[in-house]
Amino acid sequence: MKDVADEARISMPYLSEVERGRKEASSEVLAAAAHALGLSLGDLLSRAQGELTRVTSRYPVGSRRGASPRRPRDCAWPPEPVAGRRLRPARGAG
């Protein structure tokens, strides 16, 4: 997570809050995080939609687990970077 935060120029505590569903991220923050993962914003949102659909489809509508606005515990986050893409060190990092 530190590599993604550094690459996207987002503070690690803020990125952690976004990941946990405690903060709402702007499209600019999401795009920066996506880019740090080697994805486009559209790819990130598509993967998130697919993962949420997969996880929430296991639970009946209105159930406590399926109705939660937070990321389910078994949701894969962050998504795996695109194959072969390695994160660059943050600017100014040794």
C-alpha atoms as a PDB file:
ATOM      1  CA  MET A   1       0.000   0.000   0.000  1.00  0.00           C
ATOM      2  CA  LYS A   2       2.900   2.341   0.711  1.00  0.00           C
ATOM      3  CA  ASP A   3       4.179   1.961  -2.863  1.00  0.00           C
ATOM      4  CA  VAL A   4       0.756   2.818  -4.283  1.00  0.00           C
ATOM      5  CA  ALA A   5       0.352   5.799  -1.945  1.00  0.00           C
ATOM      6  CA  ASP A   6       3.816   7.110  -2.807  1.00  0.00           C
ATOM      7  CA  GLU A   7       3.373   6.614  -6.554  1.00  0.00           C
ATOM      8  CA  ALA A   8      -0.067   8.266  -6.495  1.00  0.00           C
ATOM      9  CA  ARG A   9       1.111  11.050  -4.161  1.00  0.00           C
ATOM     10  CA  ILE A  10      -1.650  10.195  -1.687  1.00  0.00           C
ATOM     11  CA  SER A  11      -1.012   9.963   2.030  1.00  0.00           C
ATOM     12  CA  MET A  12      -0.998   6.395   3.272  1.00  0.00           C
ATOM     13  CA  PRO A  13      -3.513   7.114   6.072  1.00  0.00           C
ATOM     14  CA  TYR A  14      -5.941   8.656   3.555  1.00  0.00           C
ATOM     15  CA  LEU A  15      -5.544   5.757   1.101  1.00  0.00           C
ATOM     16  CA  SER A  16      -6.149   3.342   3.962  1.00  0.00           C
ATOM     17  CA  GLU A  17      -9.357   5.181   4.912  1.00  0.00           C
ATOM     18  CA  VAL A  18     -10.535   5.053   1.280  1.00  0.00           C
ATOM     19  CA  GLU A  19      -9.746   1.341   1.111  1.00  0.00           C
ATOM     20  CA  ARG A  20     -11.774   0.692   4.263  1.00  0.00           C
ATOM     21  CA  GLY A  21     -14.730   2.681   2.958  1.00  0.00           C
ATOM     22  CA  ARG A  22     -14.396   5.369   5.615  1.00  0.00           C
ATOM     23  CA  LYS A  23     -13.561   8.154   3.143  1.00  0.00           C
ATOM     24  CA  GLU A  24     -14.963   8.993  -0.283  1.00  0.00           C
ATOM     25  CA  ALA A  25     -12.220   9.555  -2.842  1.00  0.00           C
ATOM     26  CA  SER A  26     -12.455  12.053  -5.679  1.00  0.00           C
ATOM     27  CA  SER A  27     -12.135  10.847  -9.255  1.00  0.00           C
ATOM     28  CA  GLU A  28      -8.682  12.459  -9.339  1.00  0.00           C
ATOM     29  CA  VAL A  29      -7.524  10.430  -6.316  1.00  0.00           C
ATOM     30  CA  LEU A  30      -8.983   7.237  -7.783  1.00  0.00           C
ATOM     31  CA  ALA A  31      -7.288   7.945 -11.119  1.00  0.00           C
ATOM     32  CA  ALA A  32      -3.927   8.519  -9.392  1.00  0.00           C
ATOM     33  CA  ALA A  33      -4.288   5.266  -7.420  1.00  0.00           C
ATOM     34  CA  ALA A  34      -5.303   3.404 -10.578  1.00  0.00           C
ATOM     35  CA  HIS A  35      -2.297   4.777 -12.454  1.00  0.00           C
ATOM     36  CA  ALA A  36      -0.005   3.713  -9.579  1.00  0.00           C
ATOM     37  CA  LEU A  37      -1.408   0.186  -9.961  1.00  0.00           C
ATOM     38  CA  GLY A  38      -0.796   0.244 -13.715  1.00  0.00           C
ATOM     39  CA  LEU A  39      -4.504   0.588 -14.547  1.00  0.00           C
ATOM     40  CA  SER A  40      -6.728   3.187 -16.145  1.00  0.00           C
ATOM     41  CA  LEU A  41      -9.501   4.652 -14.003  1.00  0.00           C
ATOM     42  CA  GLY A  42     -12.034   2.768 -16.145  1.00  0.00           C
ATOM     43  CA  ASP A  43     -10.194  -0.513 -15.588  1.00  0.00           C
ATOM     44  CA  LEU A  44     -10.080   0.078 -11.828  1.00  0.00           C
ATOM     45  CA  LEU A  45     -13.786   0.885 -11.653  1.00  0.00           C
ATOM     46  CA  SER A  46     -14.644  -2.100 -13.838  1.00  0.00           C
ATOM     47  CA  ARG A  47     -12.633  -4.433 -11.605  1.00  0.00           C
ATOM     48  CA  ALA A  48     -14.220  -2.942  -8.481  1.00  0.00           C
ATOM     49  CA  GLN A  49     -17.696  -3.408  -9.957  1.00  0.00           C
ATOM     50  CA  GLY A  50     -16.950  -7.004 -10.887  1.00  0.00           C
ATOM     51  CA  GLU A  51     -15.543  -7.780  -7.453  1.00  0.00           C
ATOM     52  CA  LEU A  52     -18.468  -6.160  -5.628  1.00  0.00           C
ATOM     53  CA  THR A  53     -20.938  -8.005  -7.853  1.00  0.00           C
ATOM     54  CA  ARG A  54     -19.170 -11.288  -7.160  1.00  0.00           C
ATOM     55  CA  VAL A  55     -18.998 -10.764  -3.393  1.00  0.00           C
ATOM     56  CA  THR A  56     -22.460  -9.302  -2.857  1.00  0.00           C
ATOM     57  CA  SER A  57     -24.196 -11.863  -5.092  1.00  0.00           C
ATOM     58  CA  ARG A  58     -23.531 -14.439  -2.371  1.00  0.00           C
ATOM     59  CA  TYR A  59     -25.777 -12.630   0.093  1.00  0.00           C
ATOM     60  CA  PRO A  60     -29.554 -12.066  -0.120  1.00  0.00           C
ATOM     61  CA  VAL A  61     -30.741  -8.508  -0.717  1.00  0.00           C
ATOM     62  CA  GLY A  62     -31.202  -6.734   2.607  1.00  0.00           C
ATOM     63  CA  SER A  63     -28.929  -9.089   4.523  1.00  0.00           C
ATOM     64  CA  ARG A  64     -26.516  -7.400   6.868  1.00  0.00           C
ATOM     65  CA  ARG A  65     -23.470  -8.489   4.856  1.00  0.00           C
ATOM     66  CA  GLY A  66     -24.880  -7.677   1.421  1.00  0.00           C
ATOM     67  CA  ALA A  67     -26.261  -4.302   2.478  1.00  0.00           C
ATOM     68  CA  SER A  68     -22.996  -3.003   3.930  1.00  0.00           C
ATOM     69  CA  PRO A  69     -21.659   0.119   2.197  1.00  0.00           C
ATOM     70  CA  ARG A  70     -18.133  -0.870   3.200  1.00  0.00           C
ATOM     71  CA  ARG A  71     -15.866  -3.197   1.273  1.00  0.00           C
ATOM     72  CA  PRO A  72     -16.593  -6.832   2.189  1.00  0.00           C
ATOM     73  CA  ARG A  73     -13.695  -8.577   3.951  1.00  0.00           C
ATOM     74  CA  ASP A  74     -13.202 -11.093   1.166  1.00  0.00           C
ATOM     75  CA  CYS A  75     -13.034  -8.438  -1.564  1.00  0.00           C
ATOM     76  CA  ALA A  76      -9.620  -8.419  -3.252  1.00  0.00           C
ATOM     77  CA  TRP A  77      -8.203  -4.937  -2.761  1.00  0.00           C
ATOM     78  CA  PRO A  78      -6.101  -3.443  -4.055  1.00  0.00           C
ATOM     79  CA  PRO A  79      -6.446  -5.235  -7.384  1.00  0.00           C
ATOM     80  CA  GLU A  80      -3.340  -6.902  -8.710  1.00  0.00           C
ATOM     81  CA  PRO A  81      -1.246  -4.645 -10.973  1.00  0.00           C
ATOM     82  CA  VAL A  82      -1.287  -5.345 -14.675  1.00  0.00           C
ATOM     83  CA  ALA A  83       1.042  -8.242 -15.486  1.00  0.00           C
ATOM     84  CA  GLY A  84       4.631  -7.137 -15.824  1.00  0.00           C
ATOM     85  CA  ARG A  85       3.989  -3.647 -14.394  1.00  0.00           C
ATOM     86  CA  ARG A  86       6.209  -2.740 -11.485  1.00  0.00           C
ATOM     87  CA  LEU A  87       5.713   0.343  -9.378  1.00  0.00           C
ATOM     88  CA  ARG A  88       8.325   3.029  -9.714  1.00  0.00           C
ATOM     89  CA  PRO A  89       9.805   4.548  -6.556  1.00  0.00           C
ATOM     90  CA  ALA A  90       8.175   7.813  -5.526  1.00  0.00           C
ATOM     91  CA  ARG A  91       9.807  10.939  -6.896  1.00  0.00           C
ATOM     92  CA  GLY A  92      12.652  11.936  -4.668  1.00  0.00           C
ATOM     93  CA  ALA A  93      12.819   8.507  -3.005  1.00  0.00           C
ATOM     94  CA  GLY A  94      16.207   6.837  -2.980  1.00  0.00           C
END
